Amino acid sequence: MTHSSYDIPKNTVFYQEVIKKSRFIVHIEHTPDVDAARIFIADIKEKYADAVHNCWAYVAGRPDDSQVLGFSDDGEPNGTAGKPILNVLLGSGIGEITAVVTRYFGGIKLGTGGLVRAYGGCVNHALEELERGEKIPEVIISGTSDYSFQGVIEQILKPYTVLDLKKEFNQQVNWQIRMDGRHAPLAISEITDKTSGRVIFKMPDDL
């Protein structure tokens, strides 16, 4: 698992332009997962059901995760719409993003090269209106300690970005700490060092 941050959309974008009498309408949305991307695409297709094509692409997660990519030409010649849209999204380095490009045919054929330029170009222009935010990667680290180490561990955690901390009290203290994944390895190392190896915390990758 990669615990680095990445850019995500902060706003929705509506953009349109006319290319050789065809009207291209771009909608861009923040979609944190594949289900959200598919719902957004379905909504746009329903809204523009009278359009000739509703082509789309999504990066529904980390921008470097090939498992969360999808695209469709929606009736345009193979490779002329969905893939160019996806290539622009990937080139932007933005994650959790979906773009749907609606085309109303104007009577003039653009040819395969013209379609690639039109779909990719209008998404590029739409991205110029997009505000970016930062996605902080979250991870839950967990471990068990004696009661005597509670104060030490909480003191160690103070400088870190801790989003949630849960403790379960049994014979020992069971910890679950949700924090910024970029800093988790350092926090774990510090807990190990300052308890002389008597408290070991782990990330999900290590379990």
N, C-alpha and C. Protein backbone atom coordinates (compact mmCIF):
# COMPACT_ATOMS: atom_id res chain seq x y z
N MET A 1 0.84 -1.19 0.00
CA MET A 1 0.00 0.00 0.00
C MET A 1 0.88 1.24 0.00
N THR A 2 0.52 2.27 -0.78
CA THR A 2 1.28 3.50 -0.84
C THR A 2 0.63 4.54 0.04
N HIS A 3 1.42 5.16 0.92
CA HIS A 3 0.87 6.12 1.85
C HIS A 3 1.32 7.54 1.52
N SER A 4 1.23 7.92 0.26
CA SER A 4 1.56 9.28 -0.16
C SER A 4 0.28 10.03 -0.49
N SER A 5 0.33 11.33 -0.38
CA SER A 5 -0.85 12.15 -0.68
C SER A 5 -0.99 12.34 -2.19
N TYR A 6 -2.16 12.78 -2.62
CA TYR A 6 -2.39 13.08 -4.04
C TYR A 6 -3.51 14.11 -4.16
N ASP A 7 -3.59 14.74 -5.32
CA ASP A 7 -4.60 15.77 -5.56
C ASP A 7 -5.95 15.13 -5.87
N ILE A 8 -7.02 15.78 -5.40
CA ILE A 8 -8.39 15.39 -5.73
C ILE A 8 -9.17 16.65 -6.10
N PRO A 9 -10.31 16.52 -6.80
CA PRO A 9 -11.12 17.70 -7.13
C PRO A 9 -11.75 18.32 -5.89
N LYS A 10 -11.74 19.65 -5.84
CA LYS A 10 -12.43 20.36 -4.75
C LYS A 10 -13.78 20.90 -5.19
N ASN A 11 -14.01 20.97 -6.49
CA ASN A 11 -15.26 21.52 -6.99
C ASN A 11 -15.74 20.71 -8.19
N THR A 12 -16.98 20.89 -8.56
CA THR A 12 -17.49 20.30 -9.80
C THR A 12 -17.25 21.30 -10.94
N VAL A 13 -17.14 20.76 -12.13
CA VAL A 13 -16.89 21.62 -13.29
C VAL A 13 -17.92 21.34 -14.38
N PHE A 14 -18.46 22.41 -14.95
CA PHE A 14 -19.29 22.35 -16.14
C PHE A 14 -18.62 23.22 -17.20
N TYR A 15 -18.37 22.62 -18.35
CA TYR A 15 -17.67 23.35 -19.41
C TYR A 15 -18.24 22.89 -20.75
N GLN A 16 -18.35 23.80 -21.70
CA GLN A 16 -18.80 23.39 -23.03
C GLN A 16 -18.13 24.22 -24.11
N GLU A 17 -17.98 23.61 -25.27
CA GLU A 17 -17.48 24.32 -26.44
C GLU A 17 -18.04 23.67 -27.70
N VAL A 18 -18.05 24.44 -28.77
CA VAL A 18 -18.55 23.97 -30.06
C VAL A 18 -17.36 23.77 -31.00
N ILE A 19 -17.28 22.55 -31.57
CA ILE A 19 -16.20 22.21 -32.49
C ILE A 19 -16.84 21.71 -33.78
N LYS A 20 -16.67 22.48 -34.85
CA LYS A 20 -17.27 22.14 -36.15
C LYS A 20 -18.74 21.77 -36.01
N LYS A 21 -19.47 22.65 -35.35
CA LYS A 21 -20.93 22.57 -35.16
C LYS A 21 -21.39 21.50 -34.16
N SER A 22 -20.49 20.62 -33.70
CA SER A 22 -20.85 19.68 -32.63
C SER A 22 -20.62 20.36 -31.28
N ARG A 23 -21.59 20.17 -30.37
CA ARG A 23 -21.46 20.77 -29.03
C ARG A 23 -20.94 19.70 -28.07
N PHE A 24 -19.86 20.02 -27.40
CA PHE A 24 -19.25 19.13 -26.41
C PHE A 24 -19.47 19.74 -25.01
N ILE A 25 -20.09 18.97 -24.14
CA ILE A 25 -20.37 19.42 -22.78
C ILE A 25 -19.61 18.52 -21.81
N VAL A 26 -18.80 19.13 -20.96
CA VAL A 26 -17.97 18.37 -20.01
C VAL A 26 -18.48 18.56 -18.59
N HIS A 27 -18.67 17.46 -17.88
CA HIS A 27 -18.94 17.49 -16.45
C HIS A 27 -17.83 16.74 -15.73
N ILE A 28 -17.28 17.37 -14.71
CA ILE A 28 -16.24 16.73 -13.91
C ILE A 28 -16.68 16.73 -12.45
N GLU A 29 -16.46 15.60 -11.79
CA GLU A 29 -16.95 15.43 -10.41
C GLU A 29 -15.91 14.68 -9.58
N HIS A 30 -15.92 14.97 -8.28
CA HIS A 30 -15.11 14.19 -7.33
C HIS A 30 -15.82 12.87 -7.05
N THR A 31 -15.17 11.74 -7.38
CA THR A 31 -15.76 10.41 -7.17
C THR A 31 -14.73 9.55 -6.43
N PRO A 32 -14.90 9.35 -5.12
CA PRO A 32 -13.89 8.67 -4.33
C PRO A 32 -13.73 7.18 -4.61
N ASP A 33 -14.72 6.56 -5.26
CA ASP A 33 -14.60 5.14 -5.58
C ASP A 33 -15.36 4.83 -6.86
N VAL A 34 -15.26 3.59 -7.32
CA VAL A 34 -15.85 3.19 -8.60
C VAL A 34 -17.38 3.31 -8.56
N ASP A 35 -17.99 2.95 -7.45
CA ASP A 35 -19.45 3.07 -7.33
C ASP A 35 -19.91 4.51 -7.51
N ALA A 36 -19.20 5.44 -6.88
CA ALA A 36 -19.54 6.86 -7.02
C ALA A 36 -19.38 7.32 -8.46
N ALA A 37 -18.32 6.84 -9.12
CA ALA A 37 -18.09 7.20 -10.52
C ALA A 37 -19.23 6.72 -11.40
N ARG A 38 -19.66 5.49 -11.19
CA ARG A 38 -20.73 4.92 -12.02
C ARG A 38 -22.06 5.62 -11.79
N ILE A 39 -22.33 6.01 -10.55
CA ILE A 39 -23.57 6.75 -10.26
C ILE A 39 -23.55 8.10 -10.96
N PHE A 40 -22.41 8.79 -10.90
CA PHE A 40 -22.28 10.09 -11.56
C PHE A 40 -22.47 9.96 -13.07
N ILE A 41 -21.85 8.96 -13.67
CA ILE A 41 -21.99 8.74 -15.11
C ILE A 41 -23.43 8.47 -15.47
N ALA A 42 -24.11 7.64 -14.70
CA ALA A 42 -25.53 7.31 -14.96
C ALA A 42 -26.40 8.56 -14.87
N ASP A 43 -26.10 9.41 -13.90
CA ASP A 43 -26.88 10.65 -13.74
C ASP A 43 -26.73 11.56 -14.96
N ILE A 44 -25.51 11.71 -15.46
CA ILE A 44 -25.27 12.55 -16.63
C ILE A 44 -25.94 11.96 -17.87
N LYS A 45 -25.83 10.63 -18.02
CA LYS A 45 -26.44 9.98 -19.18
C LYS A 45 -27.97 10.13 -19.17
N GLU A 46 -28.54 10.11 -17.97
CA GLU A 46 -29.99 10.31 -17.87
C GLU A 46 -30.36 11.76 -18.18
N LYS A 47 -29.55 12.69 -17.69
CA LYS A 47 -29.82 14.11 -17.92
C LYS A 47 -29.71 14.48 -19.40
N TYR A 48 -28.76 13.83 -20.10
CA TYR A 48 -28.53 14.13 -21.52
C TYR A 48 -28.87 12.90 -22.37
N ALA A 49 -30.01 12.31 -22.09
CA ALA A 49 -30.42 11.09 -22.80
C ALA A 49 -30.66 11.32 -24.29
N ASP A 50 -30.90 12.56 -24.67
CA ASP A 50 -31.15 12.87 -26.08
C ASP A 50 -29.87 13.12 -26.87
N ALA A 51 -28.72 13.07 -26.19
CA ALA A 51 -27.44 13.33 -26.88
C ALA A 51 -27.02 12.11 -27.69
N VAL A 52 -26.20 12.35 -28.70
CA VAL A 52 -25.70 11.26 -29.54
C VAL A 52 -24.73 10.37 -28.74
N HIS A 53 -23.87 11.00 -27.94
CA HIS A 53 -22.87 10.25 -27.18
C HIS A 53 -22.67 10.88 -25.80
N ASN A 54 -22.51 10.02 -24.80
CA ASN A 54 -22.06 10.43 -23.47
C ASN A 54 -20.83 9.59 -23.13
N CYS A 55 -19.67 10.09 -23.49
CA CYS A 55 -18.42 9.36 -23.31
C CYS A 55 -17.80 9.73 -21.97
N TRP A 56 -17.05 8.80 -21.39
CA TRP A 56 -16.57 9.07 -20.04
C TRP A 56 -15.28 8.33 -19.72
N ALA A 57 -14.67 8.78 -18.63
CA ALA A 57 -13.50 8.10 -18.07
C ALA A 57 -13.41 8.47 -16.61
N TYR A 58 -12.85 7.55 -15.83
CA TYR A 58 -12.66 7.86 -14.42
C TYR A 58 -11.34 7.30 -13.89
N VAL A 59 -10.84 7.99 -12.87
CA VAL A 59 -9.73 7.51 -12.04
C VAL A 59 -10.31 7.52 -10.63
N ALA A 60 -10.93 6.42 -10.24
CA ALA A 60 -11.76 6.39 -9.02
C ALA A 60 -10.96 5.93 -7.80
N GLY A 61 -9.89 6.63 -7.53
CA GLY A 61 -9.02 6.28 -6.41
C GLY A 61 -7.68 6.96 -6.60
N ARG A 62 -6.62 6.31 -6.14
CA ARG A 62 -5.28 6.87 -6.32
C ARG A 62 -4.96 6.98 -7.82
N PRO A 63 -4.30 8.06 -8.25
CA PRO A 63 -4.00 8.21 -9.69
C PRO A 63 -2.98 7.19 -10.20
N ASP A 64 -2.28 6.50 -9.30
CA ASP A 64 -1.31 5.49 -9.74
C ASP A 64 -1.83 4.07 -9.57
N ASP A 65 -3.14 3.92 -9.34
CA ASP A 65 -3.73 2.60 -9.14
C ASP A 65 -4.50 2.18 -10.40
N SER A 66 -3.93 1.27 -11.17
CA SER A 66 -4.55 0.84 -12.44
C SER A 66 -5.85 0.06 -12.22
N GLN A 67 -6.13 -0.34 -10.99
CA GLN A 67 -7.35 -1.10 -10.71
C GLN A 67 -8.59 -0.21 -10.63
N VAL A 68 -8.43 1.10 -10.61
CA VAL A 68 -9.58 2.00 -10.45
C VAL A 68 -9.81 2.87 -11.68
N LEU A 69 -9.37 2.39 -12.84
CA LEU A 69 -9.53 3.15 -14.08
C LEU A 69 -10.68 2.57 -14.90
N GLY A 70 -11.38 3.44 -15.61
CA GLY A 70 -12.43 2.98 -16.52
C GLY A 70 -12.69 4.03 -17.58
N PHE A 71 -13.20 3.61 -18.75
CA PHE A 71 -13.52 4.56 -19.81
C PHE A 71 -14.47 3.93 -20.82
N SER A 72 -15.17 4.76 -21.58
CA SER A 72 -16.10 4.27 -22.60
C SER A 72 -16.19 5.27 -23.75
N ASP A 73 -16.20 4.73 -24.98
CA ASP A 73 -16.40 5.57 -26.17
C ASP A 73 -17.88 5.83 -26.45
N ASP A 74 -18.77 5.06 -25.82
CA ASP A 74 -20.22 5.23 -25.96
C ASP A 74 -20.66 5.44 -27.42
N GLY A 75 -20.19 4.57 -28.30
CA GLY A 75 -20.65 4.62 -29.68
C GLY A 75 -19.75 5.37 -30.64
N GLU A 76 -18.82 6.15 -30.12
CA GLU A 76 -17.84 6.78 -31.00
C GLU A 76 -16.86 5.71 -31.48
N PRO A 77 -16.16 5.96 -32.60
CA PRO A 77 -15.18 4.96 -33.06
C PRO A 77 -14.20 4.57 -31.96
N ASN A 78 -13.83 3.31 -31.94
CA ASN A 78 -12.99 2.77 -30.88
C ASN A 78 -11.71 3.59 -30.67
N GLY A 79 -11.49 4.00 -29.43
CA GLY A 79 -10.26 4.71 -29.08
C GLY A 79 -10.28 6.20 -29.31
N THR A 80 -11.42 6.75 -29.72
CA THR A 80 -11.44 8.18 -30.08
C THR A 80 -12.01 9.08 -29.00
N ALA A 81 -12.56 8.51 -27.93
CA ALA A 81 -13.23 9.35 -26.93
C ALA A 81 -12.83 8.98 -25.50
N GLY A 82 -13.22 7.77 -25.06
CA GLY A 82 -12.95 7.39 -23.68
C GLY A 82 -11.48 7.40 -23.32
N LYS A 83 -10.65 6.81 -24.18
CA LYS A 83 -9.21 6.74 -23.89
C LYS A 83 -8.56 8.12 -23.89
N PRO A 84 -8.86 8.99 -24.85
CA PRO A 84 -8.30 10.34 -24.77
C PRO A 84 -8.72 11.09 -23.50
N ILE A 85 -9.96 10.90 -23.07
CA ILE A 85 -10.40 11.53 -21.81
C ILE A 85 -9.58 10.98 -20.65
N LEU A 86 -9.44 9.65 -20.61
CA LEU A 86 -8.66 9.02 -19.53
C LEU A 86 -7.21 9.49 -19.54
N ASN A 87 -6.62 9.59 -20.72
CA ASN A 87 -5.23 10.03 -20.82
C ASN A 87 -5.03 11.43 -20.24
N VAL A 88 -6.01 12.30 -20.48
CA VAL A 88 -5.92 13.66 -19.92
C VAL A 88 -6.03 13.61 -18.39
N LEU A 89 -6.96 12.79 -17.88
CA LEU A 89 -7.10 12.68 -16.43
C LEU A 89 -5.83 12.14 -15.79
N LEU A 90 -5.26 11.09 -16.41
CA LEU A 90 -4.02 10.51 -15.88
C LEU A 90 -2.87 11.51 -15.95
N GLY A 91 -2.83 12.27 -17.01
CA GLY A 91 -1.78 13.27 -17.17
C GLY A 91 -1.86 14.39 -16.14
N SER A 92 -3.06 14.61 -15.61
CA SER A 92 -3.24 15.68 -14.62
C SER A 92 -2.71 15.28 -13.25
N GLY A 93 -2.58 13.96 -13.02
CA GLY A 93 -2.13 13.48 -11.71
C GLY A 93 -3.19 13.56 -10.63
N ILE A 94 -4.44 13.80 -11.02
CA ILE A 94 -5.54 13.95 -10.05
C ILE A 94 -6.21 12.59 -9.85
N GLY A 95 -6.52 12.26 -8.61
CA GLY A 95 -7.23 11.03 -8.31
C GLY A 95 -8.68 11.30 -7.93
N GLU A 96 -9.46 10.23 -7.82
CA GLU A 96 -10.87 10.31 -7.40
C GLU A 96 -11.66 11.28 -8.29
N ILE A 97 -11.50 11.12 -9.60
CA ILE A 97 -12.09 12.07 -10.54
C ILE A 97 -12.79 11.33 -11.68
N THR A 98 -13.93 11.87 -12.11
CA THR A 98 -14.65 11.34 -13.27
C THR A 98 -15.00 12.48 -14.21
N ALA A 99 -14.82 12.26 -15.49
CA ALA A 99 -15.22 13.24 -16.51
C ALA A 99 -16.18 12.57 -17.49
N VAL A 100 -17.29 13.22 -17.75
CA VAL A 100 -18.25 12.76 -18.76
C VAL A 100 -18.36 13.85 -19.82
N VAL A 101 -18.18 13.46 -21.08
CA VAL A 101 -18.26 14.41 -22.18
C VAL A 101 -19.46 14.04 -23.05
N THR A 102 -20.43 14.93 -23.07
CA THR A 102 -21.64 14.75 -23.86
C THR A 102 -21.45 15.44 -25.21
N ARG A 103 -21.81 14.74 -26.29
CA ARG A 103 -21.66 15.33 -27.62
C ARG A 103 -23.01 15.38 -28.33
N TYR A 104 -23.35 16.58 -28.79
CA TYR A 104 -24.50 16.76 -29.68
C TYR A 104 -23.94 16.97 -31.09
N PHE A 105 -24.20 16.00 -31.96
CA PHE A 105 -23.63 16.01 -33.31
C PHE A 105 -24.18 17.17 -34.12
N GLY A 106 -23.25 17.89 -34.80
CA GLY A 106 -23.66 19.07 -35.55
C GLY A 106 -23.73 18.87 -37.05
N GLY A 107 -23.51 17.63 -37.51
CA GLY A 107 -23.66 17.36 -38.93
C GLY A 107 -22.35 17.26 -39.69
N ILE A 108 -21.25 17.64 -39.05
CA ILE A 108 -19.95 17.57 -39.71
C ILE A 108 -19.10 16.50 -39.01
N LYS A 109 -18.65 15.52 -39.77
CA LYS A 109 -17.81 14.47 -39.19
C LYS A 109 -16.41 15.01 -38.91
N LEU A 110 -15.86 14.62 -37.78
CA LEU A 110 -14.55 15.13 -37.38
C LEU A 110 -13.41 14.20 -37.74
N GLY A 111 -13.70 12.93 -38.08
CA GLY A 111 -12.64 11.96 -38.33
C GLY A 111 -12.05 11.49 -37.02
N THR A 112 -11.32 10.39 -37.07
CA THR A 112 -10.80 9.82 -35.82
C THR A 112 -9.82 10.76 -35.12
N GLY A 113 -8.91 11.34 -35.87
CA GLY A 113 -7.96 12.28 -35.27
C GLY A 113 -8.65 13.50 -34.69
N GLY A 114 -9.66 13.99 -35.40
CA GLY A 114 -10.41 15.15 -34.92
C GLY A 114 -11.17 14.85 -33.65
N LEU A 115 -11.72 13.63 -33.55
CA LEU A 115 -12.44 13.23 -32.34
C LEU A 115 -11.51 13.14 -31.15
N VAL A 116 -10.34 12.53 -31.36
CA VAL A 116 -9.36 12.42 -30.28
C VAL A 116 -8.99 13.80 -29.76
N ARG A 117 -8.73 14.72 -30.68
CA ARG A 117 -8.35 16.09 -30.27
C ARG A 117 -9.51 16.80 -29.58
N ALA A 118 -10.71 16.57 -30.08
CA ALA A 118 -11.88 17.26 -29.50
C ALA A 118 -12.16 16.78 -28.09
N TYR A 119 -12.22 15.46 -27.89
CA TYR A 119 -12.54 14.93 -26.56
C TYR A 119 -11.43 15.24 -25.56
N GLY A 120 -10.19 15.01 -25.97
CA GLY A 120 -9.08 15.30 -25.07
C GLY A 120 -8.95 16.79 -24.81
N GLY A 121 -9.13 17.58 -25.84
CA GLY A 121 -8.96 19.03 -25.71
C GLY A 121 -10.00 19.67 -24.81
N CYS A 122 -11.26 19.27 -24.95
CA CYS A 122 -12.29 19.92 -24.13
C CYS A 122 -12.15 19.52 -22.66
N VAL A 123 -11.67 18.31 -22.39
CA VAL A 123 -11.43 17.93 -20.99
C VAL A 123 -10.24 18.71 -20.43
N ASN A 124 -9.21 18.90 -21.25
CA ASN A 124 -8.08 19.73 -20.84
C ASN A 124 -8.54 21.14 -20.45
N HIS A 125 -9.40 21.71 -21.28
CA HIS A 125 -9.90 23.06 -21.00
C HIS A 125 -10.75 23.07 -19.73
N ALA A 126 -11.56 22.02 -19.55
CA ALA A 126 -12.40 21.94 -18.35
C ALA A 126 -11.55 21.86 -17.09
N LEU A 127 -10.43 21.13 -17.16
CA LEU A 127 -9.57 20.98 -16.00
C LEU A 127 -8.94 22.30 -15.57
N GLU A 128 -8.87 23.26 -16.48
CA GLU A 128 -8.34 24.57 -16.12
C GLU A 128 -9.24 25.28 -15.11
N GLU A 129 -10.50 24.85 -15.03
CA GLU A 129 -11.45 25.46 -14.09
C GLU A 129 -11.58 24.65 -12.80
N LEU A 130 -10.81 23.60 -12.68
CA LEU A 130 -10.90 22.72 -11.52
C LEU A 130 -9.99 23.19 -10.39
N GLU A 131 -10.55 23.26 -9.19
CA GLU A 131 -9.75 23.53 -8.00
C GLU A 131 -9.28 22.20 -7.42
N ARG A 132 -8.04 22.17 -6.97
CA ARG A 132 -7.47 20.94 -6.43
C ARG A 132 -7.38 21.00 -4.91
N GLY A 133 -7.66 19.86 -4.30
CA GLY A 133 -7.43 19.68 -2.88
C GLY A 133 -6.46 18.54 -2.68
N GLU A 134 -6.02 18.34 -1.44
CA GLU A 134 -5.07 17.27 -1.14
C GLU A 134 -5.76 16.14 -0.40
N LYS A 135 -5.57 14.94 -0.88
CA LYS A 135 -6.08 13.76 -0.19
C LYS A 135 -4.98 13.23 0.74
N ILE A 136 -5.27 13.30 2.05
CA ILE A 136 -4.31 12.79 3.02
C ILE A 136 -4.57 11.30 3.19
N PRO A 137 -3.58 10.47 2.94
CA PRO A 137 -3.79 9.03 3.09
C PRO A 137 -3.94 8.65 4.56
N GLU A 138 -4.96 7.87 4.85
CA GLU A 138 -5.20 7.46 6.23
C GLU A 138 -4.86 5.99 6.41
N VAL A 139 -4.39 5.65 7.60
CA VAL A 139 -4.10 4.27 7.93
C VAL A 139 -4.42 4.06 9.40
N ILE A 140 -4.81 2.85 9.76
CA ILE A 140 -5.05 2.52 11.16
C ILE A 140 -3.90 1.65 11.64
N ILE A 141 -3.19 2.15 12.65
CA ILE A 141 -2.15 1.34 13.26
C ILE A 141 -2.70 0.76 14.57
N SER A 142 -2.30 -0.43 14.87
CA SER A 142 -2.87 -1.10 16.04
C SER A 142 -1.78 -1.80 16.84
N GLY A 143 -2.04 -1.95 18.13
CA GLY A 143 -1.07 -2.62 18.99
C GLY A 143 -1.64 -2.83 20.38
N THR A 144 -0.87 -3.50 21.22
CA THR A 144 -1.26 -3.81 22.60
C THR A 144 -0.15 -3.38 23.53
N SER A 145 -0.53 -2.78 24.63
CA SER A 145 0.48 -2.33 25.59
C SER A 145 0.03 -2.60 27.02
N ASP A 146 0.99 -2.61 27.94
CA ASP A 146 0.64 -2.61 29.36
C ASP A 146 0.06 -1.24 29.72
N TYR A 147 -0.69 -1.21 30.81
CA TYR A 147 -1.31 0.05 31.25
C TYR A 147 -0.26 1.12 31.55
N SER A 148 0.90 0.68 31.98
CA SER A 148 1.94 1.63 32.38
C SER A 148 2.49 2.45 31.21
N PHE A 149 2.24 1.99 29.97
CA PHE A 149 2.77 2.69 28.80
C PHE A 149 1.77 3.68 28.17
N GLN A 150 0.57 3.78 28.74
CA GLN A 150 -0.44 4.67 28.14
C GLN A 150 0.07 6.09 27.97
N GLY A 151 0.61 6.66 29.04
CA GLY A 151 1.07 8.05 29.00
C GLY A 151 2.20 8.25 28.01
N VAL A 152 3.11 7.28 27.96
CA VAL A 152 4.25 7.37 27.04
C VAL A 152 3.77 7.40 25.59
N ILE A 153 2.86 6.49 25.26
CA ILE A 153 2.36 6.39 23.88
C ILE A 153 1.60 7.65 23.48
N GLU A 154 0.75 8.13 24.37
CA GLU A 154 -0.03 9.34 24.05
C GLU A 154 0.89 10.55 23.89
N GLN A 155 1.94 10.61 24.65
CA GLN A 155 2.90 11.71 24.52
C GLN A 155 3.62 11.63 23.18
N ILE A 156 3.99 10.43 22.76
CA ILE A 156 4.66 10.23 21.47
C ILE A 156 3.75 10.68 20.33
N LEU A 157 2.46 10.41 20.45
CA LEU A 157 1.52 10.69 19.36
C LEU A 157 1.17 12.17 19.21
N LYS A 158 1.45 12.98 20.21
CA LYS A 158 1.01 14.39 20.19
C LYS A 158 1.43 15.16 18.94
N PRO A 159 2.67 15.02 18.46
CA PRO A 159 3.06 15.81 17.28
C PRO A 159 2.47 15.30 15.96
N TYR A 160 1.89 14.12 15.98
CA TYR A 160 1.40 13.51 14.74
C TYR A 160 -0.06 13.89 14.46
N THR A 161 -0.47 13.72 13.20
CA THR A 161 -1.86 13.97 12.82
C THR A 161 -2.68 12.73 13.12
N VAL A 162 -3.25 12.70 14.32
CA VAL A 162 -4.09 11.57 14.74
C VAL A 162 -5.55 11.95 14.49
N LEU A 163 -6.23 11.19 13.66
CA LEU A 163 -7.61 11.49 13.29
C LEU A 163 -8.61 10.83 14.22
N ASP A 164 -8.22 9.71 14.80
CA ASP A 164 -9.10 9.01 15.73
C ASP A 164 -8.25 8.05 16.56
N LEU A 165 -8.59 7.95 17.85
CA LEU A 165 -7.84 7.06 18.74
C LEU A 165 -8.83 6.27 19.60
N LYS A 166 -8.73 4.95 19.52
CA LYS A 166 -9.62 4.10 20.31
C LYS A 166 -8.78 3.17 21.19
N LYS A 167 -9.22 3.06 22.45
CA LYS A 167 -8.53 2.16 23.38
C LYS A 167 -9.56 1.19 23.97
N GLU A 168 -9.17 -0.06 24.04
CA GLU A 168 -10.01 -1.09 24.65
C GLU A 168 -9.25 -1.67 25.84
N PHE A 169 -9.89 -1.63 27.00
CA PHE A 169 -9.20 -2.02 28.23
C PHE A 169 -9.58 -3.43 28.65
N ASN A 170 -8.60 -4.31 28.59
CA ASN A 170 -8.75 -5.68 29.07
C ASN A 170 -7.60 -5.95 30.04
N GLN A 171 -6.98 -7.09 29.92
CA GLN A 171 -5.77 -7.32 30.73
C GLN A 171 -4.67 -6.36 30.33
N GLN A 172 -4.70 -5.99 29.05
CA GLN A 172 -3.81 -4.95 28.54
C GLN A 172 -4.64 -3.91 27.80
N VAL A 173 -3.98 -2.90 27.27
CA VAL A 173 -4.68 -1.87 26.49
C VAL A 173 -4.53 -2.20 25.00
N ASN A 174 -5.65 -2.35 24.32
CA ASN A 174 -5.64 -2.57 22.87
C ASN A 174 -5.88 -1.22 22.17
N TRP A 175 -4.95 -0.84 21.31
CA TRP A 175 -4.97 0.47 20.65
C TRP A 175 -5.36 0.32 19.18
N GLN A 176 -6.17 1.27 18.70
CA GLN A 176 -6.41 1.45 17.26
C GLN A 176 -6.34 2.94 16.99
N ILE A 177 -5.38 3.32 16.18
CA ILE A 177 -5.12 4.74 15.94
C ILE A 177 -5.21 5.03 14.44
N ARG A 178 -6.14 5.88 14.07
CA ARG A 178 -6.27 6.29 12.67
C ARG A 178 -5.49 7.58 12.49
N MET A 179 -4.52 7.56 11.57
CA MET A 179 -3.63 8.71 11.44
C MET A 179 -3.16 8.89 9.99
N ASP A 180 -2.45 9.97 9.77
CA ASP A 180 -1.84 10.27 8.46
C ASP A 180 -0.86 9.14 8.11
N GLY A 181 -1.16 8.41 7.04
CA GLY A 181 -0.36 7.25 6.67
C GLY A 181 1.08 7.56 6.34
N ARG A 182 1.36 8.81 5.96
CA ARG A 182 2.73 9.18 5.61
C ARG A 182 3.65 9.17 6.83
N HIS A 183 3.06 9.38 8.00
CA HIS A 183 3.86 9.50 9.21
C HIS A 183 3.78 8.26 10.10
N ALA A 184 2.93 7.31 9.72
CA ALA A 184 2.71 6.12 10.56
C ALA A 184 3.99 5.31 10.81
N PRO A 185 4.82 5.04 9.79
CA PRO A 185 6.04 4.26 10.06
C PRO A 185 6.95 4.91 11.10
N LEU A 186 7.06 6.24 11.05
CA LEU A 186 7.91 6.95 12.01
C LEU A 186 7.32 6.86 13.42
N ALA A 187 5.98 7.00 13.52
CA ALA A 187 5.32 6.89 14.83
C ALA A 187 5.53 5.50 15.43
N ILE A 188 5.38 4.48 14.60
CA ILE A 188 5.57 3.10 15.06
C ILE A 188 7.00 2.89 15.55
N SER A 189 7.96 3.41 14.78
CA SER A 189 9.37 3.27 15.15
C SER A 189 9.66 3.97 16.48
N GLU A 190 9.05 5.14 16.66
CA GLU A 190 9.28 5.92 17.89
C GLU A 190 8.68 5.20 19.10
N ILE A 191 7.48 4.62 18.92
CA ILE A 191 6.84 3.88 20.02
C ILE A 191 7.71 2.68 20.41
N THR A 192 8.23 1.98 19.42
CA THR A 192 9.09 0.82 19.69
C THR A 192 10.35 1.24 20.44
N ASP A 193 10.98 2.32 19.97
CA ASP A 193 12.23 2.77 20.59
C ASP A 193 12.02 3.23 22.03
N LYS A 194 10.96 4.02 22.26
CA LYS A 194 10.78 4.63 23.58
C LYS A 194 10.15 3.69 24.60
N THR A 195 9.75 2.51 24.13
CA THR A 195 9.28 1.49 25.08
C THR A 195 10.26 0.31 25.11
N SER A 196 11.44 0.55 24.55
CA SER A 196 12.51 -0.47 24.52
C SER A 196 12.03 -1.78 23.90
N GLY A 197 11.17 -1.66 22.89
CA GLY A 197 10.71 -2.83 22.15
C GLY A 197 9.61 -3.62 22.84
N ARG A 198 9.10 -3.11 23.94
CA ARG A 198 8.06 -3.85 24.66
C ARG A 198 6.65 -3.57 24.13
N VAL A 199 6.52 -2.54 23.30
CA VAL A 199 5.24 -2.24 22.64
C VAL A 199 5.49 -2.18 21.14
N ILE A 200 4.80 -3.03 20.40
CA ILE A 200 4.96 -3.08 18.94
C ILE A 200 3.62 -2.73 18.30
N PHE A 201 3.62 -1.68 17.51
CA PHE A 201 2.44 -1.32 16.73
C PHE A 201 2.64 -1.75 15.28
N LYS A 202 1.54 -2.06 14.60
CA LYS A 202 1.64 -2.49 13.21
C LYS A 202 0.62 -1.78 12.34
N MET A 203 0.95 -1.69 11.05
CA MET A 203 0.00 -1.20 10.06
C MET A 203 -0.69 -2.40 9.42
N PRO A 204 -1.84 -2.19 8.71
CA PRO A 204 -2.55 -3.31 8.10
C PRO A 204 -1.68 -4.17 7.18
N ASP A 205 -0.71 -3.54 6.51
CA ASP A 205 0.18 -4.29 5.61
C ASP A 205 0.99 -5.34 6.36
N ASP A 206 1.24 -5.09 7.65
CA ASP A 206 2.11 -5.96 8.43
C ASP A 206 1.37 -7.09 9.14
N LEU A 207 0.02 -7.01 9.13
CA LEU A 207 -0.75 -7.99 9.90
C LEU A 207 -0.86 -9.32 9.19
